[in-house]
């Protein structure tokens, strides 16, 4: 019997301001994706109702929780945790330590895992909270739940490429749905 080996893409996040790659062996169990659609009530003098007027869209917002675990008896998960901590402060690369350059830039990351997007996209970090759930003998955390929230940078060129891919894949999705309906009418299981 021949078995096929396959490569699995690990959980990764690239910190674009600090030029650091965050890779973890474990993954979030779920990734929530939301996109706000904004409507504004329009007052009509003497009207019996307040009609809604479309205003704008908000950016795609991703949220997830991931566990960072390292039972190192001396430092715990501190080295990996410090990578995530850089996402909670203004961008500070190695050059800022050498030349005392300051930046107020909001951290941006290249992220892809579980987003439903074809390409990795650039997101602003809007939330990065730690919940230390296991502390080691030297008082360093060994297990931490990290709650993340990311908002899509829709002005980035990767997002423009994703929009083109969305158009092509939505047409393919429509064709696939029609094919499955035809299968259902032919008494075949569509799934």
C-alpha atoms as a PDB file:
ATOM      1  CA  UNK A   1       0.000   0.000   0.000  1.00  0.00           C
ATOM      2  CA  UNK A   2       1.374   3.372  -0.988  1.00  0.00           C
ATOM      3  CA  UNK A   3       0.661   6.311   1.259  1.00  0.00           C
ATOM      4  CA  UNK A   4       1.123   9.877   0.168  1.00  0.00           C
ATOM      5  CA  UNK A   5       2.892  12.265   2.491  1.00  0.00           C
ATOM      6  CA  UNK A   6       1.652  15.802   2.446  1.00  0.00           C
ATOM      7  CA  UNK A   7       3.094  19.041   3.703  1.00  0.00           C
ATOM      8  CA  UNK A   8       1.119  21.003   6.226  1.00  0.00           C
ATOM      9  CA  UNK A   9       1.475  24.756   6.452  1.00  0.00           C
ATOM     10  CA  UNK A  10       2.006  25.644  10.130  1.00  0.00           C
ATOM     11  CA  UNK A  11       0.362  28.521  11.956  1.00  0.00           C
ATOM     12  CA  UNK A  12       2.385  31.597  11.087  1.00  0.00           C
ATOM     13  CA  UNK A  13       2.141  35.324  11.488  1.00  0.00           C
ATOM     14  CA  UNK A  14       4.749  37.717  10.105  1.00  0.00           C
ATOM     15  CA  UNK A  15       5.260  40.884  12.168  1.00  0.00           C
ATOM     16  CA  UNK A  16       5.904  43.375   9.352  1.00  0.00           C
ATOM     17  CA  UNK A  17       7.189  46.221  11.515  1.00  0.00           C
ATOM     18  CA  UNK A  18       9.681  44.162  13.509  1.00  0.00           C
ATOM     19  CA  UNK A  19      10.511  41.726  10.680  1.00  0.00           C
ATOM     20  CA  UNK A  20       9.821  38.688  12.876  1.00  0.00           C
ATOM     21  CA  UNK A  21       8.166  35.434  11.943  1.00  0.00           C
ATOM     22  CA  UNK A  22       5.945  33.921  14.638  1.00  0.00           C
ATOM     23  CA  UNK A  23       5.488  30.177  14.089  1.00  0.00           C
ATOM     24  CA  UNK A  24       3.643  27.869  16.464  1.00  0.00           C
ATOM     25  CA  UNK A  25       3.181  24.092  16.427  1.00  0.00           C
ATOM     26  CA  UNK A  26      -0.440  24.444  17.543  1.00  0.00           C
ATOM     27  CA  UNK A  27      -3.249  26.339  15.842  1.00  0.00           C
ATOM     28  CA  UNK A  28      -6.364  28.253  16.950  1.00  0.00           C
ATOM     29  CA  UNK A  29      -9.324  25.905  17.209  1.00  0.00           C
ATOM     30  CA  UNK A  30     -11.560  28.477  15.517  1.00  0.00           C
ATOM     31  CA  UNK A  31     -11.138  31.762  13.674  1.00  0.00           C
ATOM     32  CA  UNK A  32     -14.081  34.171  13.679  1.00  0.00           C
ATOM     33  CA  UNK A  33     -14.399  36.466  10.661  1.00  0.00           C
ATOM     34  CA  UNK A  34     -16.766  39.449  10.660  1.00  0.00           C
ATOM     35  CA  UNK A  35     -17.389  42.371   8.295  1.00  0.00           C
ATOM     36  CA  UNK A  36     -19.499  45.277   9.456  1.00  0.00           C
ATOM     37  CA  UNK A  37     -22.108  46.664   7.065  1.00  0.00           C
ATOM     38  CA  UNK A  38     -23.033  50.166   8.172  1.00  0.00           C
ATOM     39  CA  UNK A  39     -26.498  51.642   7.680  1.00  0.00           C
ATOM     40  CA  UNK A  40     -27.668  55.083   8.793  1.00  0.00           C
ATOM     41  CA  UNK A  41     -31.304  55.880   9.606  1.00  0.00           C
ATOM     42  CA  UNK A  42     -32.563  58.722   7.412  1.00  0.00           C
ATOM     43  CA  UNK A  43     -35.143  61.021   8.974  1.00  0.00           C
ATOM     44  CA  UNK A  44     -37.989  61.994   6.680  1.00  0.00           C
ATOM     45  CA  UNK A  45     -40.036  64.958   7.986  1.00  0.00           C
ATOM     46  CA  UNK A  46     -43.624  63.844   8.495  1.00  0.00           C
ATOM     47  CA  UNK A  47     -42.794  60.258   7.509  1.00  0.00           C
ATOM     48  CA  UNK A  48     -44.231  57.254   9.308  1.00  0.00           C
ATOM     49  CA  UNK A  49     -40.926  55.386   9.304  1.00  0.00           C
ATOM     50  CA  UNK A  50     -37.201  55.989   9.266  1.00  0.00           C
ATOM     51  CA  UNK A  51     -35.728  54.424   6.118  1.00  0.00           C
ATOM     52  CA  UNK A  52     -32.195  53.015   6.273  1.00  0.00           C
ATOM     53  CA  UNK A  53     -29.526  54.411   3.962  1.00  0.00           C
ATOM     54  CA  UNK A  54     -26.388  52.406   3.215  1.00  0.00           C
ATOM     55  CA  UNK A  55     -23.305  54.164   4.572  1.00  0.00           C
ATOM     56  CA  UNK A  56     -20.137  52.077   4.217  1.00  0.00           C
ATOM     57  CA  UNK A  57     -18.449  48.793   5.037  1.00  0.00           C
ATOM     58  CA  UNK A  58     -16.031  48.181   7.880  1.00  0.00           C
ATOM     59  CA  UNK A  59     -12.874  46.138   7.330  1.00  0.00           C
ATOM     60  CA  UNK A  60     -12.842  42.377   7.770  1.00  0.00           C
ATOM     61  CA  UNK A  61     -12.181  41.624  11.434  1.00  0.00           C
ATOM     62  CA  UNK A  62     -10.628  38.340  12.538  1.00  0.00           C
ATOM     63  CA  UNK A  63     -10.616  37.118  16.119  1.00  0.00           C
ATOM     64  CA  UNK A  64      -9.179  33.964  17.611  1.00  0.00           C
ATOM     65  CA  UNK A  65      -7.595  32.527  20.730  1.00  0.00           C
ATOM     66  CA  UNK A  66      -4.405  30.512  20.613  1.00  0.00           C
ATOM     67  CA  UNK A  67      -2.555  28.700  23.367  1.00  0.00           C
ATOM     68  CA  UNK A  68       1.184  29.229  23.680  1.00  0.00           C
ATOM     69  CA  UNK A  69       2.682  26.410  25.726  1.00  0.00           C
ATOM     70  CA  UNK A  70       6.309  25.787  26.589  1.00  0.00           C
ATOM     71  CA  UNK A  71       7.075  23.863  29.762  1.00  0.00           C
ATOM     72  CA  UNK A  72      10.701  24.956  29.801  1.00  0.00           C
ATOM     73  CA  UNK A  73      11.622  24.661  33.500  1.00  0.00           C
ATOM     74  CA  UNK A  74      13.587  27.933  33.469  1.00  0.00           C
ATOM     75  CA  UNK A  75      11.997  30.463  31.094  1.00  0.00           C
ATOM     76  CA  UNK A  76       8.589  28.898  30.397  1.00  0.00           C
ATOM     77  CA  UNK A  77       6.974  30.311  27.252  1.00  0.00           C
ATOM     78  CA  UNK A  78       8.598  33.719  27.757  1.00  0.00           C
ATOM     79  CA  UNK A  79      10.636  33.812  24.476  1.00  0.00           C
ATOM     80  CA  UNK A  80       7.565  33.145  22.308  1.00  0.00           C
ATOM     81  CA  UNK A  81       5.401  35.388  24.482  1.00  0.00           C
ATOM     82  CA  UNK A  82       7.792  38.304  23.866  1.00  0.00           C
ATOM     83  CA  UNK A  83       7.149  37.986  20.134  1.00  0.00           C
ATOM     84  CA  UNK A  84       3.419  38.459  20.732  1.00  0.00           C
ATOM     85  CA  UNK A  85       4.138  41.258  23.206  1.00  0.00           C
ATOM     86  CA  UNK A  86       5.728  43.249  20.363  1.00  0.00           C
ATOM     87  CA  UNK A  87       2.275  43.254  18.736  1.00  0.00           C
ATOM     88  CA  UNK A  88       0.928  45.206  21.746  1.00  0.00           C
ATOM     89  CA  UNK A  89       3.310  48.161  21.499  1.00  0.00           C
ATOM     90  CA  UNK A  90       4.423  50.546  18.733  1.00  0.00           C
ATOM     91  CA  UNK A  91       6.749  48.969  16.194  1.00  0.00           C
ATOM     92  CA  UNK A  92      10.274  48.628  17.547  1.00  0.00           C
ATOM     93  CA  UNK A  93      12.836  46.814  15.477  1.00  0.00           C
ATOM     94  CA  UNK A  94      16.448  46.128  16.336  1.00  0.00           C
ATOM     95  CA  UNK A  95      17.474  49.460  14.792  1.00  0.00           C
ATOM     96  CA  UNK A  96      15.379  51.364  17.354  1.00  0.00           C
ATOM     97  CA  UNK A  97      17.620  49.997  20.129  1.00  0.00           C
ATOM     98  CA  UNK A  98      20.796  51.010  18.314  1.00  0.00           C
ATOM     99  CA  UNK A  99      19.759  54.440  17.032  1.00  0.00           C
ATOM    100  CA  UNK A 100      16.952  55.351  19.462  1.00  0.00           C
ATOM    101  CA  UNK A 101      14.412  55.769  16.644  1.00  0.00           C
ATOM    102  CA  UNK A 102      10.828  55.923  17.828  1.00  0.00           C
ATOM    103  CA  UNK A 103       7.751  54.841  15.911  1.00  0.00           C
ATOM    104  CA  UNK A 104       4.091  55.173  16.763  1.00  0.00           C
ATOM    105  CA  UNK A 105       3.068  52.779  14.012  1.00  0.00           C
ATOM    106  CA  UNK A 106       0.366  50.277  14.815  1.00  0.00           C
ATOM    107  CA  UNK A 107       1.780  46.766  14.354  1.00  0.00           C
ATOM    108  CA  UNK A 108       0.787  45.063  11.122  1.00  0.00           C
ATOM    109  CA  UNK A 109       0.984  41.333  10.440  1.00  0.00           C
ATOM    110  CA  UNK A 110       0.808  39.120   7.402  1.00  0.00           C
ATOM    111  CA  UNK A 111      -1.726  36.432   8.364  1.00  0.00           C
ATOM    112  CA  UNK A 112      -3.543  33.610   6.613  1.00  0.00           C
ATOM    113  CA  UNK A 113      -4.535  30.712   8.870  1.00  0.00           C
ATOM    114  CA  UNK A 114      -8.262  29.902   8.787  1.00  0.00           C
ATOM    115  CA  UNK A 115      -9.329  33.207   7.212  1.00  0.00           C
ATOM    116  CA  UNK A 116     -11.132  31.755   4.194  1.00  0.00           C
ATOM    117  CA  UNK A 117      -8.980  33.935   1.951  1.00  0.00           C
ATOM    118  CA  UNK A 118      -6.912  32.576  -0.927  1.00  0.00           C
ATOM    119  CA  UNK A 119      -3.870  34.710  -0.094  1.00  0.00           C
ATOM    120  CA  UNK A 120      -2.137  35.792   3.102  1.00  0.00           C
ATOM    121  CA  UNK A 121      -3.272  39.357   3.781  1.00  0.00           C
ATOM    122  CA  UNK A 122      -2.024  42.299   5.827  1.00  0.00           C
ATOM    123  CA  UNK A 123      -3.909  43.100   9.040  1.00  0.00           C
ATOM    124  CA  UNK A 124      -3.645  45.734  11.766  1.00  0.00           C
ATOM    125  CA  UNK A 125      -3.366  44.283  15.262  1.00  0.00           C
ATOM    126  CA  UNK A 126      -6.221  45.764  17.314  1.00  0.00           C
ATOM    127  CA  UNK A 127      -6.197  43.380  20.270  1.00  0.00           C
ATOM    128  CA  UNK A 128      -3.580  41.109  21.837  1.00  0.00           C
ATOM    129  CA  UNK A 129      -4.491  40.022  25.364  1.00  0.00           C
ATOM    130  CA  UNK A 130      -2.725  37.440  27.539  1.00  0.00           C
ATOM    131  CA  UNK A 131      -4.328  35.064  30.012  1.00  0.00           C
ATOM    132  CA  UNK A 132      -1.595  33.104  31.807  1.00  0.00           C
ATOM    133  CA  UNK A 133      -3.115  29.773  32.804  1.00  0.00           C
ATOM    134  CA  UNK A 134      -0.060  27.945  34.128  1.00  0.00           C
ATOM    135  CA  UNK A 135       2.902  29.485  35.984  1.00  0.00           C
ATOM    136  CA  UNK A 136       6.255  27.690  36.404  1.00  0.00           C
ATOM    137  CA  UNK A 137       8.476  27.385  39.457  1.00  0.00           C
ATOM    138  CA  UNK A 138      10.433  30.559  38.570  1.00  0.00           C
ATOM    139  CA  UNK A 139       7.182  32.551  38.190  1.00  0.00           C
ATOM    140  CA  UNK A 140       7.309  32.615  34.382  1.00  0.00           C
ATOM    141  CA  UNK A 141       4.193  31.556  32.473  1.00  0.00           C
ATOM    142  CA  UNK A 142       4.365  28.113  30.882  1.00  0.00           C
ATOM    143  CA  UNK A 143       0.914  28.214  29.254  1.00  0.00           C
ATOM    144  CA  UNK A 144      -0.844  31.346  28.001  1.00  0.00           C
ATOM    145  CA  UNK A 145      -4.074  31.910  26.100  1.00  0.00           C
ATOM    146  CA  UNK A 146      -3.642  34.809  23.680  1.00  0.00           C
ATOM    147  CA  UNK A 147      -6.793  36.567  22.436  1.00  0.00           C
ATOM    148  CA  UNK A 148      -6.136  38.278  19.117  1.00  0.00           C
ATOM    149  CA  UNK A 149      -8.162  40.638  16.959  1.00  0.00           C
ATOM    150  CA  UNK A 150      -6.954  41.733  13.527  1.00  0.00           C
ATOM    151  CA  UNK A 151      -8.473  44.256  11.097  1.00  0.00           C
ATOM    152  CA  UNK A 152      -7.779  43.959   7.379  1.00  0.00           C
ATOM    153  CA  UNK A 153      -5.732  46.648   5.615  1.00  0.00           C
ATOM    154  CA  UNK A 154      -7.902  47.042   2.520  1.00  0.00           C
ATOM    155  CA  UNK A 155      -5.484  49.484   0.877  1.00  0.00           C
ATOM    156  CA  UNK A 156      -2.710  46.871   0.564  1.00  0.00           C
ATOM    157  CA  UNK A 157      -1.921  45.363  -2.866  1.00  0.00           C
ATOM    158  CA  UNK A 158      -2.447  41.820  -1.552  1.00  0.00           C
ATOM    159  CA  UNK A 159      -6.075  42.712  -0.799  1.00  0.00           C
ATOM    160  CA  UNK A 160      -6.567  43.887  -4.392  1.00  0.00           C
ATOM    161  CA  UNK A 161      -5.273  40.507  -5.618  1.00  0.00           C
ATOM    162  CA  UNK A 162      -7.630  38.763  -3.174  1.00  0.00           C
ATOM    163  CA  UNK A 163     -10.586  40.694  -4.630  1.00  0.00           C
ATOM    164  CA  UNK A 164      -9.758  39.359  -8.118  1.00  0.00           C
ATOM    165  CA  UNK A 165      -9.470  35.823  -6.710  1.00  0.00           C
ATOM    166  CA  UNK A 166     -12.830  36.301  -4.932  1.00  0.00           C
ATOM    167  CA  UNK A 167     -14.540  37.113  -8.238  1.00  0.00           C
ATOM    168  CA  UNK A 168     -13.105  34.043  -9.984  1.00  0.00           C
ATOM    169  CA  UNK A 169     -13.810  31.683  -7.077  1.00  0.00           C
ATOM    170  CA  UNK A 170     -17.387  32.943  -6.645  1.00  0.00           C
ATOM    171  CA  UNK A 171     -18.129  32.048 -10.291  1.00  0.00           C
ATOM    172  CA  UNK A 172     -16.588  28.612  -9.697  1.00  0.00           C
ATOM    173  CA  UNK A 173     -18.720  28.287  -6.544  1.00  0.00           C
ATOM    174  CA  UNK A 174     -21.873  29.054  -8.516  1.00  0.00           C
ATOM    175  CA  UNK A 175     -20.954  26.379 -11.076  1.00  0.00           C
ATOM    176  CA  UNK A 176     -20.293  23.866  -8.303  1.00  0.00           C
ATOM    177  CA  UNK A 177     -23.660  24.636  -6.669  1.00  0.00           C
ATOM    178  CA  UNK A 178     -25.479  24.060  -9.979  1.00  0.00           C
ATOM    179  CA  UNK A 179     -23.604  20.779 -10.446  1.00  0.00           C
ATOM    180  CA  UNK A 180     -24.651  19.612  -6.962  1.00  0.00           C
ATOM    181  CA  UNK A 181     -28.302  20.523  -7.596  1.00  0.00           C
ATOM    182  CA  UNK A 182     -28.252  18.474 -10.795  1.00  0.00           C
ATOM    183  CA  UNK A 183     -26.751  15.566  -8.830  1.00  0.00           C
ATOM    184  CA  UNK A 184     -29.525  15.862  -6.226  1.00  0.00           C
ATOM    185  CA  UNK A 185     -32.210  15.674  -8.930  1.00  0.00           C
ATOM    186  CA  UNK A 186     -30.533  12.544 -10.308  1.00  0.00           C
ATOM    187  CA  UNK A 187     -30.944  10.918  -6.856  1.00  0.00           C
ATOM    188  CA  UNK A 188     -27.268  11.089  -6.086  1.00  0.00           C
ATOM    189  CA  UNK A 189     -26.000  12.406  -2.797  1.00  0.00           C
ATOM    190  CA  UNK A 190     -24.832  15.963  -3.473  1.00  0.00           C
ATOM    191  CA  UNK A 191     -22.215  15.901  -0.680  1.00  0.00           C
END
